[in-house]
Amino acid sequence: VIMNGPMGVFEFEKFNKGTFGIVDILSDISKNNGAITIIGGGDSVAACEQSGKAGDMSHISTGGGASLELLEGKVLPGVAALDDGGS
């Protein structure tokens, strides 16, 4: 399961229930059902950390846009440079 972006302005308490609800669900399915949970993007990472559930996720990356591009099959410039041996 991939989460790439919060459900609104979770930074404000009156708007955080959706985001933290999703984070809770992802935490539960990761811990209890062995689901692979991938969190992408700085705001998503911040939400997981603020909820105290970041450690329950399978993988966390601040590269939200890059993560989506990788899933699309695009070549990431940083990875390509490593593959080329820096030449």
PDB file of N, CA and C in Angstrom:
ATOM      1  N   VAL A   1       0.858  -1.163   0.000  1.00  0.00           N
ATOM      2  CA  VAL A   1       0.000   0.000   0.000  1.00  0.00           C
ATOM      3  C   VAL A   1       0.901   1.220   0.000  1.00  0.00           C
ATOM      4  N   ILE A   2       0.591   2.164  -0.878  1.00  0.00           N
ATOM      5  CA  ILE A   2       1.412   3.368  -1.000  1.00  0.00           C
ATOM      6  C   ILE A   2       0.604   4.576  -0.545  1.00  0.00           C
ATOM      7  N   MET A   3       1.203   5.380   0.321  1.00  0.00           N
ATOM      8  CA  MET A   3       0.624   6.674   0.703  1.00  0.00           C
ATOM      9  C   MET A   3       1.579   7.743   0.196  1.00  0.00           C
ATOM     10  N   ASN A   4       1.060   8.617  -0.654  1.00  0.00           N
ATOM     11  CA  ASN A   4       1.894   9.684  -1.188  1.00  0.00           C
ATOM     12  C   ASN A   4       1.134  10.997  -1.065  1.00  0.00           C
ATOM     13  N   GLY A   5       1.134  11.541   0.140  1.00  0.00           N
ATOM     14  CA  GLY A   5       0.468  12.812   0.390  1.00  0.00           C
ATOM     15  C   GLY A   5      -0.609  12.685   1.452  1.00  0.00           C
ATOM     16  N   PRO A   6      -0.701  13.683   2.312  1.00  0.00           N
ATOM     17  CA  PRO A   6      -1.714  13.668   3.368  1.00  0.00           C
ATOM     18  C   PRO A   6      -3.108  13.988   2.824  1.00  0.00           C
ATOM     19  N   MET A   7      -4.113  13.773   3.651  1.00  0.00           N
ATOM     20  CA  MET A   7      -5.504  14.052   3.292  1.00  0.00           C
ATOM     21  C   MET A   7      -5.882  15.458   3.749  1.00  0.00           C
ATOM     22  N   GLY A   8      -5.230  16.461   3.231  1.00  0.00           N
ATOM     23  CA  GLY A   8      -5.529  17.838   3.623  1.00  0.00           C
ATOM     24  C   GLY A   8      -4.474  18.407   4.553  1.00  0.00           C
ATOM     25  N   VAL A   9      -4.842  19.465   5.239  1.00  0.00           N
ATOM     26  CA  VAL A   9      -3.880  20.181   6.091  1.00  0.00           C
ATOM     27  C   VAL A   9      -3.833  19.548   7.489  1.00  0.00           C
ATOM     28  N   PHE A  10      -3.162  18.417   7.574  1.00  0.00           N
ATOM     29  CA  PHE A  10      -3.104  17.655   8.826  1.00  0.00           C
ATOM     30  C   PHE A  10      -2.392  18.426   9.932  1.00  0.00           C
ATOM     31  N   GLU A  11      -1.661  19.475   9.569  1.00  0.00           N
ATOM     32  CA  GLU A  11      -0.929  20.253  10.570  1.00  0.00           C
ATOM     33  C   GLU A  11      -1.874  20.956  11.550  1.00  0.00           C
ATOM     34  N   PHE A  12      -3.124  21.143  11.143  1.00  0.00           N
ATOM     35  CA  PHE A  12      -4.128  21.773  12.009  1.00  0.00           C
ATOM     36  C   PHE A  12      -5.022  20.693  12.593  1.00  0.00           C
ATOM     37  N   GLU A  13      -5.172  20.713  13.911  1.00  0.00           N
ATOM     38  CA  GLU A  13      -5.876  19.638  14.615  1.00  0.00           C
ATOM     39  C   GLU A  13      -7.273  19.376  14.055  1.00  0.00           C
ATOM     40  N   LYS A  14      -8.001  20.411  13.704  1.00  0.00           N
ATOM     41  CA  LYS A  14      -9.373  20.183  13.241  1.00  0.00           C
ATOM     42  C   LYS A  14      -9.438  19.532  11.852  1.00  0.00           C
ATOM     43  N   PHE A  15      -8.290  19.436  11.171  1.00  0.00           N
ATOM     44  CA  PHE A  15      -8.257  18.822   9.842  1.00  0.00           C
ATOM     45  C   PHE A  15      -7.404  17.547   9.787  1.00  0.00           C
ATOM     46  N   ASN A  16      -6.926  17.045  10.912  1.00  0.00           N
ATOM     47  CA  ASN A  16      -5.957  15.946  10.871  1.00  0.00           C
ATOM     48  C   ASN A  16      -6.554  14.540  10.974  1.00  0.00           C
ATOM     49  N   LYS A  17      -7.828  14.429  11.209  1.00  0.00           N
ATOM     50  CA  LYS A  17      -8.418  13.107  11.442  1.00  0.00           C
ATOM     51  C   LYS A  17      -8.295  12.176  10.241  1.00  0.00           C
ATOM     52  N   GLY A  18      -8.489  12.689   9.043  1.00  0.00           N
ATOM     53  CA  GLY A  18      -8.386  11.848   7.848  1.00  0.00           C
ATOM     54  C   GLY A  18      -6.982  11.301   7.648  1.00  0.00           C
ATOM     55  N   THR A  19      -6.000  12.190   7.720  1.00  0.00           N
ATOM     56  CA  THR A  19      -4.612  11.767   7.530  1.00  0.00           C
ATOM     57  C   THR A  19      -4.188  10.791   8.608  1.00  0.00           C
ATOM     58  N   PHE A  20      -4.450  11.129   9.872  1.00  0.00           N
ATOM     59  CA  PHE A  20      -4.030  10.239  10.951  1.00  0.00           C
ATOM     60  C   PHE A  20      -4.833   8.939  10.952  1.00  0.00           C
ATOM     61  N   GLY A  21      -6.056   8.983  10.468  1.00  0.00           N
ATOM     62  CA  GLY A  21      -6.842   7.753  10.330  1.00  0.00           C
ATOM     63  C   GLY A  21      -6.213   6.808   9.314  1.00  0.00           C
ATOM     64  N   ILE A  22      -5.786   7.355   8.182  1.00  0.00           N
ATOM     65  CA  ILE A  22      -5.113   6.538   7.168  1.00  0.00           C
ATOM     66  C   ILE A  22      -3.800   5.984   7.717  1.00  0.00           C
ATOM     67  N   VAL A  23      -3.038   6.828   8.416  1.00  0.00           N
ATOM     68  CA  VAL A  23      -1.771   6.382   9.004  1.00  0.00           C
ATOM     69  C   VAL A  23      -2.025   5.244   9.996  1.00  0.00           C
ATOM     70  N   ASP A  24      -3.072   5.363  10.800  1.00  0.00           N
ATOM     71  CA  ASP A  24      -3.407   4.300  11.757  1.00  0.00           C
ATOM     72  C   ASP A  24      -3.733   2.987  11.038  1.00  0.00           C
ATOM     73  N   ILE A  25      -4.512   3.082   9.980  1.00  0.00           N
ATOM     74  CA  ILE A  25      -4.875   1.881   9.212  1.00  0.00           C
ATOM     75  C   ILE A  25      -3.626   1.240   8.608  1.00  0.00           C
ATOM     76  N   LEU A  26      -2.764   2.050   8.002  1.00  0.00           N
ATOM     77  CA  LEU A  26      -1.539   1.512   7.406  1.00  0.00           C
ATOM     78  C   LEU A  26      -0.654   0.866   8.457  1.00  0.00           C
ATOM     79  N   SER A  27      -0.563   1.485   9.621  1.00  0.00           N
ATOM     80  CA  SER A  27       0.216   0.914  10.714  1.00  0.00           C
ATOM     81  C   SER A  27      -0.337  -0.455  11.115  1.00  0.00           C
ATOM     82  N   ASP A  28      -1.659  -0.518  11.275  1.00  0.00           N
ATOM     83  CA  ASP A  28      -2.297  -1.775  11.685  1.00  0.00           C
ATOM     84  C   ASP A  28      -2.092  -2.897  10.667  1.00  0.00           C
ATOM     85  N   ILE A  29      -2.296  -2.590   9.384  1.00  0.00           N
ATOM     86  CA  ILE A  29      -2.166  -3.669   8.396  1.00  0.00           C
ATOM     87  C   ILE A  29      -0.712  -4.089   8.206  1.00  0.00           C
ATOM     88  N   SER A  30       0.193  -3.167   8.466  1.00  0.00           N
ATOM     89  CA  SER A  30       1.610  -3.513   8.371  1.00  0.00           C
ATOM     90  C   SER A  30       2.010  -4.421   9.527  1.00  0.00           C
ATOM     91  N   LYS A  31       1.625  -4.034  10.747  1.00  0.00           N
ATOM     92  CA  LYS A  31       1.995  -4.810  11.937  1.00  0.00           C
ATOM     93  C   LYS A  31       1.229  -6.117  12.048  1.00  0.00           C
ATOM     94  N   ASN A  32      -0.063  -6.070  11.790  1.00  0.00           N
ATOM     95  CA  ASN A  32      -0.924  -7.223  12.074  1.00  0.00           C
ATOM     96  C   ASN A  32      -1.117  -8.168  10.898  1.00  0.00           C
ATOM     97  N   ASN A  33      -0.948  -7.660   9.674  1.00  0.00           N
ATOM     98  CA  ASN A  33      -1.225  -8.492   8.497  1.00  0.00           C
ATOM     99  C   ASN A  33      -0.018  -8.663   7.588  1.00  0.00           C
ATOM    100  N   GLY A  34       1.089  -8.039   7.937  1.00  0.00           N
ATOM    101  CA  GLY A  34       2.290  -8.166   7.130  1.00  0.00           C
ATOM    102  C   GLY A  34       2.251  -7.417   5.815  1.00  0.00           C
ATOM    103  N   ALA A  35       1.328  -6.458   5.690  1.00  0.00           N
ATOM    104  CA  ALA A  35       1.251  -5.679   4.449  1.00  0.00           C
ATOM    105  C   ALA A  35       2.506  -4.827   4.297  1.00  0.00           C
ATOM    106  N   ILE A  36       2.912  -4.621   3.065  1.00  0.00           N
ATOM    107  CA  ILE A  36       4.028  -3.727   2.778  1.00  0.00           C
ATOM    108  C   ILE A  36       3.444  -2.327   2.629  1.00  0.00           C
ATOM    109  N   THR A  37       3.916  -1.418   3.462  1.00  0.00           N
ATOM    110  CA  THR A  37       3.417  -0.047   3.454  1.00  0.00           C
ATOM    111  C   THR A  37       4.555   0.893   3.100  1.00  0.00           C
ATOM    112  N   ILE A  38       4.334   1.684   2.070  1.00  0.00           N
ATOM    113  CA  ILE A  38       5.350   2.605   1.565  1.00  0.00           C
ATOM    114  C   ILE A  38       4.805   4.021   1.699  1.00  0.00           C
ATOM    115  N   ILE A  39       5.559   4.849   2.419  1.00  0.00           N
ATOM    116  CA  ILE A  39       5.173   6.231   2.642  1.00  0.00           C
ATOM    117  C   ILE A  39       6.105   7.109   1.822  1.00  0.00           C
ATOM    118  N   GLY A  40       5.546   7.933   0.931  1.00  0.00           N
ATOM    119  CA  GLY A  40       6.358   8.793   0.085  1.00  0.00           C
ATOM    120  C   GLY A  40       5.980  10.247   0.223  1.00  0.00           C
ATOM    121  N   GLY A  41       6.974  11.090   0.361  1.00  0.00           N
ATOM    122  CA  GLY A  41       6.750  12.536   0.430  1.00  0.00           C
ATOM    123  C   GLY A  41       6.945  13.075   1.825  1.00  0.00           C
ATOM    124  N   GLY A  42       7.522  14.256   1.891  1.00  0.00           N
ATOM    125  CA  GLY A  42       7.862  14.859   3.176  1.00  0.00           C
ATOM    126  C   GLY A  42       6.683  15.071   4.108  1.00  0.00           C
ATOM    127  N   ASP A  43       5.537  15.518   3.575  1.00  0.00           N
ATOM    128  CA  ASP A  43       4.371  15.728   4.439  1.00  0.00           C
ATOM    129  C   ASP A  43       3.817  14.408   4.955  1.00  0.00           C
ATOM    130  N   SER A  44       3.845  13.375   4.122  1.00  0.00           N
ATOM    131  CA  SER A  44       3.380  12.051   4.567  1.00  0.00           C
ATOM    132  C   SER A  44       4.294  11.504   5.662  1.00  0.00           C
ATOM    133  N   VAL A  45       5.593  11.689   5.480  1.00  0.00           N
ATOM    134  CA  VAL A  45       6.560  11.247   6.488  1.00  0.00           C
ATOM    135  C   VAL A  45       6.317  11.993   7.799  1.00  0.00           C
ATOM    136  N   ALA A  46       6.107  13.303   7.697  1.00  0.00           N
ATOM    137  CA  ALA A  46       5.856  14.112   8.898  1.00  0.00           C
ATOM    138  C   ALA A  46       4.598  13.639   9.628  1.00  0.00           C
ATOM    139  N   ALA A  47       3.560  13.305   8.885  1.00  0.00           N
ATOM    140  CA  ALA A  47       2.323  12.814   9.497  1.00  0.00           C
ATOM    141  C   ALA A  47       2.562  11.500  10.236  1.00  0.00           C
ATOM    142  N   CYS A  48       3.325  10.606   9.631  1.00  0.00           N
ATOM    143  CA  CYS A  48       3.639   9.328  10.283  1.00  0.00           C
ATOM    144  C   CYS A  48       4.451   9.553  11.547  1.00  0.00           C
ATOM    145  N   GLU A  49       5.413  10.455  11.463  1.00  0.00           N
ATOM    146  CA  GLU A  49       6.242  10.737  12.631  1.00  0.00           C
ATOM    147  C   GLU A  49       5.428  11.399  13.740  1.00  0.00           C
ATOM    148  N   GLN A  50       4.572  12.367  13.389  1.00  0.00           N
ATOM    149  CA  GLN A  50       3.756  13.047  14.399  1.00  0.00           C
ATOM    150  C   GLN A  50       2.783  12.094  15.076  1.00  0.00           C
ATOM    151  N   SER A  51       2.320  11.098  14.346  1.00  0.00           N
ATOM    152  CA  SER A  51       1.367  10.146  14.920  1.00  0.00           C
ATOM    153  C   SER A  51       2.068   9.067  15.746  1.00  0.00           C
ATOM    154  N   GLY A  52       3.399   9.016  15.649  1.00  0.00           N
ATOM    155  CA  GLY A  52       4.144   7.994  16.377  1.00  0.00           C
ATOM    156  C   GLY A  52       4.133   6.636  15.699  1.00  0.00           C
ATOM    157  N   LYS A  53       3.699   6.583  14.449  1.00  0.00           N
ATOM    158  CA  LYS A  53       3.558   5.300  13.754  1.00  0.00           C
ATOM    159  C   LYS A  53       4.614   5.067  12.674  1.00  0.00           C
ATOM    160  N   ALA A  54       5.564   5.973  12.538  1.00  0.00           N
ATOM    161  CA  ALA A  54       6.558   5.857  11.462  1.00  0.00           C
ATOM    162  C   ALA A  54       7.304   4.527  11.522  1.00  0.00           C
ATOM    163  N   GLY A  55       7.612   4.063  12.699  1.00  0.00           N
ATOM    164  CA  GLY A  55       8.347   2.816  12.857  1.00  0.00           C
ATOM    165  C   GLY A  55       7.583   1.578  12.432  1.00  0.00           C
ATOM    166  N   ASP A  56       6.276   1.706  12.255  1.00  0.00           N
ATOM    167  CA  ASP A  56       5.460   0.565  11.850  1.00  0.00           C
ATOM    168  C   ASP A  56       5.446   0.355  10.343  1.00  0.00           C
ATOM    169  N   MET A  57       5.868   1.359   9.591  1.00  0.00           N
ATOM    170  CA  MET A  57       5.798   1.292   8.139  1.00  0.00           C
ATOM    171  C   MET A  57       6.978   0.501   7.570  1.00  0.00           C
ATOM    172  N   SER A  58       6.764  -0.099   6.403  1.00  0.00           N
ATOM    173  CA  SER A  58       7.814  -0.895   5.760  1.00  0.00           C
ATOM    174  C   SER A  58       8.924  -0.026   5.203  1.00  0.00           C
ATOM    175  N   HIS A  59       8.535   1.088   4.582  1.00  0.00           N
ATOM    176  CA  HIS A  59       9.523   1.961   3.944  1.00  0.00           C
ATOM    177  C   HIS A  59       9.008   3.390   3.972  1.00  0.00           C
ATOM    178  N   ILE A  60       9.901   4.312   4.292  1.00  0.00           N
ATOM    179  CA  ILE A  60       9.553   5.736   4.310  1.00  0.00           C
ATOM    180  C   ILE A  60      10.589   6.490   3.492  1.00  0.00           C
ATOM    181  N   SER A  61      10.113   7.374   2.604  1.00  0.00           N
ATOM    182  CA  SER A  61      10.991   8.187   1.776  1.00  0.00           C
ATOM    183  C   SER A  61      10.426   9.599   1.666  1.00  0.00           C
ATOM    184  N   THR A  62      11.292  10.590   1.779  1.00  0.00           N
ATOM    185  CA  THR A  62      10.836  11.968   1.587  1.00  0.00           C
ATOM    186  C   THR A  62      10.695  12.303   0.111  1.00  0.00           C
ATOM    187  N   GLY A  63      11.113  11.423  -0.771  1.00  0.00           N
ATOM    188  CA  GLY A  63      11.033  11.664  -2.214  1.00  0.00           C
ATOM    189  C   GLY A  63       9.705  11.250  -2.792  1.00  0.00           C
ATOM    190  N   GLY A  64       8.659  11.999  -2.528  1.00  0.00           N
ATOM    191  CA  GLY A  64       7.326  11.629  -3.004  1.00  0.00           C
ATOM    192  C   GLY A  64       7.207  11.623  -4.510  1.00  0.00           C
ATOM    193  N   GLY A  65       7.591  12.731  -5.151  1.00  0.00           N
ATOM    194  CA  GLY A  65       7.511  12.812  -6.606  1.00  0.00           C
ATOM    195  C   GLY A  65       8.433  11.822  -7.281  1.00  0.00           C
ATOM    196  N   ALA A  66       9.627  11.700  -6.752  1.00  0.00           N
ATOM    197  CA  ALA A  66      10.591  10.749  -7.317  1.00  0.00           C
ATOM    198  C   ALA A  66      10.095   9.317  -7.144  1.00  0.00           C
ATOM    199  N   SER A  67       9.476   9.029  -6.023  1.00  0.00           N
ATOM    200  CA  SER A  67       8.934   7.682  -5.802  1.00  0.00           C
ATOM    201  C   SER A  67       7.884   7.340  -6.857  1.00  0.00           C
ATOM    202  N   LEU A  68       7.012   8.304  -7.137  1.00  0.00           N
ATOM    203  CA  LEU A  68       5.978   8.070  -8.148  1.00  0.00           C
ATOM    204  C   LEU A  68       6.590   7.887  -9.530  1.00  0.00           C
ATOM    205  N   GLU A  69       7.625   8.673  -9.840  1.00  0.00           N
ATOM    206  CA  GLU A  69       8.283   8.528 -11.138  1.00  0.00           C
ATOM    207  C   GLU A  69       8.952   7.154 -11.263  1.00  0.00           C
ATOM    208  N   LEU A  70       9.549   6.684 -10.185  1.00  0.00           N
ATOM    209  CA  LEU A  70      10.165   5.357 -10.198  1.00  0.00           C
ATOM    210  C   LEU A  70       9.113   4.282 -10.456  1.00  0.00           C
ATOM    211  N   LEU A  71       7.958   4.401  -9.802  1.00  0.00           N
ATOM    212  CA  LEU A  71       6.877   3.440 -10.022  1.00  0.00           C
ATOM    213  C   LEU A  71       6.350   3.497 -11.453  1.00  0.00           C
ATOM    214  N   GLU A  72       6.423   4.679 -12.077  1.00  0.00           N
ATOM    215  CA  GLU A  72       6.006   4.835 -13.471  1.00  0.00           C
ATOM    216  C   GLU A  72       6.988   4.183 -14.438  1.00  0.00           C
ATOM    217  N   GLY A  73       8.169   3.846 -13.941  1.00  0.00           N
ATOM    218  CA  GLY A  73       9.175   3.239 -14.789  1.00  0.00           C
ATOM    219  C   GLY A  73      10.170   4.228 -15.368  1.00  0.00           C
ATOM    220  N   LYS A  74      10.104   5.484 -14.897  1.00  0.00           N
ATOM    221  CA  LYS A  74      11.044   6.493 -15.394  1.00  0.00           C
ATOM    222  C   LYS A  74      12.429   6.276 -14.778  1.00  0.00           C
ATOM    223  N   VAL A  75      13.437   6.705 -15.505  1.00  0.00           N
ATOM    224  CA  VAL A  75      14.807   6.636 -15.009  1.00  0.00           C
ATOM    225  C   VAL A  75      15.063   7.876 -14.168  1.00  0.00           C
ATOM    226  N   LEU A  76      15.502   7.690 -12.934  1.00  0.00           N
ATOM    227  CA  LEU A  76      15.819   8.816 -12.066  1.00  0.00           C
ATOM    228  C   LEU A  76      17.247   9.266 -12.323  1.00  0.00           C
ATOM    229  N   PRO A  77      17.478  10.577 -12.488  1.00  0.00           N
ATOM    230  CA  PRO A  77      18.818  11.072 -12.828  1.00  0.00           C
ATOM    231  C   PRO A  77      19.904  10.632 -11.840  1.00  0.00           C
ATOM    232  N   GLY A  78      19.608  10.651 -10.560  1.00  0.00           N
ATOM    233  CA  GLY A  78      20.607  10.243  -9.563  1.00  0.00           C
ATOM    234  C   GLY A  78      20.973   8.774  -9.674  1.00  0.00           C
ATOM    235  N   VAL A  79      19.986   7.943  -9.933  1.00  0.00           N
ATOM    236  CA  VAL A  79      20.230   6.514 -10.099  1.00  0.00           C
ATOM    237  C   VAL A  79      20.989   6.264 -11.404  1.00  0.00           C
ATOM    238  N   ALA A  80      20.624   6.983 -12.450  1.00  0.00           N
ATOM    239  CA  ALA A  80      21.300   6.837 -13.736  1.00  0.00           C
ATOM    240  C   ALA A  80      22.778   7.209 -13.601  1.00  0.00           C
ATOM    241  N   ALA A  81      23.073   8.255 -12.837  1.00  0.00           N
ATOM    242  CA  ALA A  81      24.474   8.671 -12.642  1.00  0.00           C
ATOM    243  C   ALA A  81      25.244   7.585 -11.923  1.00  0.00           C
ATOM    244  N   LEU A  82      24.634   6.938 -10.970  1.00  0.00           N
ATOM    245  CA  LEU A  82      25.292   5.838 -10.259  1.00  0.00           C
ATOM    246  C   LEU A  82      25.519   4.650 -11.187  1.00  0.00           C
ATOM    247  N   ASP A  83      24.513   4.356 -12.020  1.00  0.00           N
ATOM    248  CA  ASP A  83      24.649   3.254 -12.977  1.00  0.00           C
ATOM    249  C   ASP A  83      25.760   3.508 -13.986  1.00  0.00           C
ATOM    250  N   ASP A  84      25.956   4.775 -14.353  1.00  0.00           N
ATOM    251  CA  ASP A  84      26.986   5.153 -15.324  1.00  0.00           C
ATOM    252  C   ASP A  84      28.379   5.204 -14.708  1.00  0.00           C
ATOM    253  N   GLY A  85      28.461   5.015 -13.413  1.00  0.00           N
ATOM    254  CA  GLY A  85      29.753   5.075 -12.732  1.00  0.00           C
ATOM    255  C   GLY A  85      30.326   6.476 -12.620  1.00  0.00           C
ATOM    256  N   GLY A  86      29.447   7.476 -12.710  1.00  0.00           N
ATOM    257  CA  GLY A  86      29.892   8.846 -12.561  1.00  0.00           C
ATOM    258  C   GLY A  86      30.586   9.410 -13.785  1.00  0.00           C
ATOM    259  N   SER A  87      30.472   8.737 -14.925  1.00  0.00           N
ATOM    260  CA  SER A  87      31.165   9.223 -16.132  1.00  0.00           C
ATOM    261  C   SER A  87      30.361  10.281 -16.848  1.00  0.00           C
TER     262      SER A  87
END
